[in-house]
Amino acid sequence: MHTDNGSPFGSVRAIQRFTQLSYWFIELGIKPVFSDPAHPEQNGRHERMHRDLKAACAKPSAYDLKAQQRRLNHFVKEYNHIRPHEALDMKTPAHMHDFSTRPFPERIPDFDYDSTYKILKVTRNGAIRWKTYYWVYLTAALKGKYVGLEDSGNGIWKAYYRDVFLGFFDERHLRSKESSTRLETNLV
């Protein structure tokens, strides 16, 4: 799913920009993909919809909430069911939309990491305990969840949440007891 970096979808300060919502999407089998920061043109359709929405409903806004809701309802009906879109070969979004045949899960299934991975639970402060004395900070958005660590050799460990790469750390940089490090995301 392609989104911008705004809350609740992404955070430019988080590893891989993932938020709690991003991790839930991953659990549902949806891979988050983000536009580059400050590049709205990378998600032009969405930005155009917001421009149309603002023009129809927010400039100026209605005098009370009920009137504003009526404006929003009218916009949704016209935008999705009445007005044809040039980018859709003059069809409406409702005409082009197909409902998913995949059922929404009652419960998120557990994930089976590769047997070669080291599996660790993320603590409530967003870190994993490494080799008794060290901490590797991931993100508080993963608290209580399990991550898989793949040994890449030479002390480099890649961290995954389910099948999604988060980053890596170099255990050789963990020198003193109770020291901590953060994941890095670029392997180059």
Protein backbone atom coordinates (compact mmCIF):
# COMPACT_ATOMS: atom_id res chain seq x y z
CA MET A 1 0.00 0.00 0.00
CA HIS A 2 1.47 3.33 -1.07
CA THR A 3 1.13 6.18 1.43
CA ASP A 4 2.83 9.41 2.37
CA ASN A 5 4.95 9.71 5.51
CA GLY A 6 2.31 11.33 7.67
CA SER A 7 0.81 9.94 10.82
CA PRO A 8 -0.56 7.32 11.29
CA PHE A 9 0.93 5.68 8.17
CA GLY A 10 4.59 6.57 8.42
CA SER A 11 7.18 8.35 10.48
CA VAL A 12 10.37 9.68 8.92
CA ARG A 13 12.16 9.08 12.25
CA ALA A 14 11.22 5.38 12.59
CA ILE A 15 13.12 2.42 11.17
CA GLN A 16 11.94 1.93 7.58
CA ARG A 17 9.37 4.68 8.47
CA PHE A 18 7.11 2.01 10.01
CA THR A 19 4.50 2.88 12.65
CA GLN A 20 2.22 0.65 14.70
CA LEU A 21 -0.26 0.79 11.83
CA SER A 22 2.48 -0.26 9.39
CA TYR A 23 3.26 -3.33 11.51
CA TRP A 24 -0.43 -4.25 11.59
CA PHE A 25 -0.52 -4.00 7.79
CA ILE A 26 2.51 -6.30 7.63
CA GLU A 27 0.69 -8.79 9.87
CA LEU A 28 -2.21 -8.71 7.39
CA GLY A 29 0.15 -9.38 4.49
CA ILE A 30 0.13 -5.78 3.23
CA LYS A 31 3.56 -4.29 2.46
CA PRO A 32 3.79 -0.58 3.29
CA VAL A 33 5.48 1.55 0.61
CA PHE A 34 6.16 5.23 1.26
CA SER A 35 6.65 8.26 -0.93
CA ASP A 36 9.96 10.00 -0.38
CA PRO A 37 9.67 12.79 2.23
CA ALA A 38 8.54 16.10 0.69
CA HIS A 39 7.64 14.49 -2.67
CA PRO A 40 3.83 14.54 -2.95
CA GLU A 41 4.09 14.04 -6.73
CA GLN A 42 5.01 10.40 -6.06
CA ASN A 43 1.42 9.81 -4.94
CA GLY A 44 -0.28 12.17 -7.36
CA ARG A 45 -3.72 10.52 -7.46
CA HIS A 46 -4.05 10.75 -3.71
CA GLU A 47 -2.86 14.37 -3.63
CA ARG A 48 -5.34 15.27 -6.40
CA MET A 49 -8.19 13.69 -4.42
CA HIS A 50 -7.20 15.80 -1.39
CA ARG A 51 -7.15 18.94 -3.53
CA ASP A 52 -10.64 18.17 -4.84
CA LEU A 53 -11.88 17.31 -1.34
CA LYS A 54 -10.54 20.56 0.09
CA ALA A 55 -12.09 22.60 -2.74
CA ALA A 56 -15.48 20.93 -2.30
CA CYS A 57 -15.66 20.73 1.48
CA ALA A 58 -13.18 22.96 3.24
CA LYS A 59 -12.94 26.28 1.41
CA PRO A 60 -14.93 27.56 3.20
CA SER A 61 -16.03 24.92 5.67
CA ALA A 62 -19.70 24.53 6.59
CA TYR A 63 -21.23 26.40 9.53
CA ASP A 64 -21.76 23.29 11.70
CA LEU A 65 -20.80 19.60 11.88
CA LYS A 66 -24.05 18.30 10.37
CA ALA A 67 -23.72 20.59 7.37
CA GLN A 68 -20.05 19.65 6.99
CA GLN A 69 -20.94 15.96 7.07
CA ARG A 70 -23.54 16.52 4.33
CA ARG A 71 -20.85 18.18 2.21
CA LEU A 72 -18.50 15.25 2.77
CA ASN A 73 -21.20 12.70 1.96
CA HIS A 74 -22.05 14.57 -1.25
CA PHE A 75 -18.37 14.72 -2.22
CA VAL A 76 -17.88 10.96 -1.67
CA LYS A 77 -20.95 10.12 -3.75
CA GLU A 78 -20.02 12.45 -6.60
CA TYR A 79 -16.30 11.61 -6.60
CA ASN A 80 -16.73 7.82 -6.45
CA HIS A 81 -20.05 7.15 -8.23
CA ILE A 82 -20.99 10.04 -10.55
CA ARG A 83 -18.01 11.98 -11.87
CA PRO A 84 -15.92 10.11 -14.47
CA HIS A 85 -12.14 10.30 -14.13
CA GLU A 86 -9.88 10.84 -17.10
CA ALA A 87 -7.17 8.63 -15.56
CA LEU A 88 -9.75 5.81 -15.38
CA ASP A 89 -10.70 6.05 -19.06
CA MET A 90 -13.73 8.17 -18.13
CA LYS A 91 -15.07 5.60 -15.67
CA THR A 92 -15.85 6.21 -12.01
CA PRO A 93 -13.74 4.82 -9.16
CA ALA A 94 -16.73 2.76 -8.00
CA HIS A 95 -16.93 1.15 -11.45
CA MET A 96 -13.25 0.22 -11.35
CA HIS A 97 -13.10 -1.01 -7.75
CA ASP A 98 -13.09 -4.74 -7.06
CA PHE A 99 -13.75 -5.96 -3.55
CA SER A 100 -11.12 -8.23 -2.09
CA THR A 101 -11.95 -11.92 -2.01
CA ARG A 102 -9.48 -12.43 0.83
CA PRO A 103 -11.35 -12.63 4.14
CA PHE A 104 -10.31 -10.40 7.02
CA PRO A 105 -8.72 -12.68 9.64
CA GLU A 106 -10.44 -13.12 13.00
CA ARG A 107 -6.98 -13.48 14.54
CA ILE A 108 -3.53 -12.64 13.20
CA PRO A 109 -1.71 -15.96 12.66
CA ASP A 110 1.67 -16.52 14.27
CA PHE A 111 4.63 -16.18 11.96
CA ASP A 112 7.18 -18.96 11.56
CA TYR A 113 10.66 -17.53 11.17
CA ASP A 114 13.35 -19.50 9.37
CA SER A 115 14.90 -22.09 11.70
CA THR A 116 18.31 -20.42 11.31
CA TYR A 117 17.02 -17.14 12.77
CA LYS A 118 17.45 -16.11 16.38
CA ILE A 119 13.97 -15.13 17.60
CA LEU A 120 13.69 -12.39 20.25
CA LYS A 121 10.78 -10.57 21.84
CA VAL A 122 10.78 -6.78 21.75
CA THR A 123 10.49 -5.29 25.25
CA ARG A 124 8.02 -2.60 26.22
CA ASN A 125 10.72 0.04 25.69
CA GLY A 126 11.17 -1.09 22.07
CA ALA A 127 14.49 -2.92 22.43
CA ILE A 128 15.72 -6.49 22.29
CA ARG A 129 18.17 -7.96 24.79
CA TRP A 130 21.29 -9.17 23.04
CA LYS A 131 23.65 -11.76 24.58
CA THR A 132 22.66 -11.02 28.20
CA TYR A 133 24.32 -7.64 28.59
CA TYR A 134 23.45 -5.53 25.57
CA TRP A 135 20.42 -3.75 24.16
CA VAL A 136 19.50 -3.15 20.53
CA TYR A 137 16.80 -0.52 20.13
CA LEU A 138 14.22 -1.18 17.39
CA THR A 139 10.99 0.74 18.02
CA ALA A 140 8.31 0.91 20.70
CA ALA A 141 5.78 0.18 17.92
CA LEU A 142 7.01 -3.46 18.05
CA LYS A 143 6.69 -3.94 21.82
CA GLY A 144 5.57 -7.45 22.71
CA LYS A 145 6.19 -8.75 19.18
CA TYR A 146 8.84 -11.21 18.02
CA VAL A 147 11.56 -10.32 15.55
CA GLY A 148 13.88 -12.65 13.68
CA LEU A 149 17.63 -12.06 13.50
CA GLU A 150 19.67 -13.50 10.67
CA ASP A 151 23.41 -13.96 11.12
CA SER A 152 25.10 -12.41 8.06
CA GLY A 153 28.61 -13.18 9.27
CA ASN A 154 31.36 -10.96 10.66
CA GLY A 155 29.14 -9.91 13.58
CA ILE A 156 26.45 -8.39 11.34
CA TRP A 157 22.86 -9.34 12.24
CA LYS A 158 19.88 -8.49 10.01
CA ALA A 159 16.59 -7.86 11.81
CA TYR A 160 13.21 -8.83 10.32
CA TYR A 161 9.63 -8.40 11.40
CA ARG A 162 7.92 -11.35 9.80
CA ASP A 163 9.30 -11.32 6.23
CA VAL A 164 10.09 -7.60 6.15
CA PHE A 165 13.66 -6.38 6.59
CA LEU A 166 13.99 -3.74 9.31
CA GLY A 167 17.71 -3.08 9.52
CA PHE A 168 20.93 -4.49 10.89
CA PHE A 169 23.39 -4.08 13.73
CA ASP A 170 27.02 -4.97 14.21
CA GLU A 171 27.55 -6.83 17.47
CA ARG A 172 31.26 -5.92 17.35
CA HIS A 173 30.24 -2.34 18.22
CA LEU A 174 28.68 -3.51 21.49
CA ARG A 175 31.71 -3.20 23.72
CA SER A 176 30.75 -2.42 27.30
CA LYS A 177 28.14 -4.19 29.42
CA GLU A 178 24.69 -2.61 29.37
CA SER A 179 25.59 -0.65 26.24
CA SER A 180 23.00 -0.19 23.53
CA THR A 181 22.84 0.44 19.82
CA ARG A 182 20.20 1.22 17.21
CA LEU A 183 19.43 -0.58 14.00
CA GLU A 184 20.90 0.84 10.83
CA THR A 185 19.06 0.47 7.53
CA ASN A 186 21.72 0.83 4.85
CA LEU A 187 23.95 -2.19 4.32
CA VAL A 188 26.29 -0.27 2.00
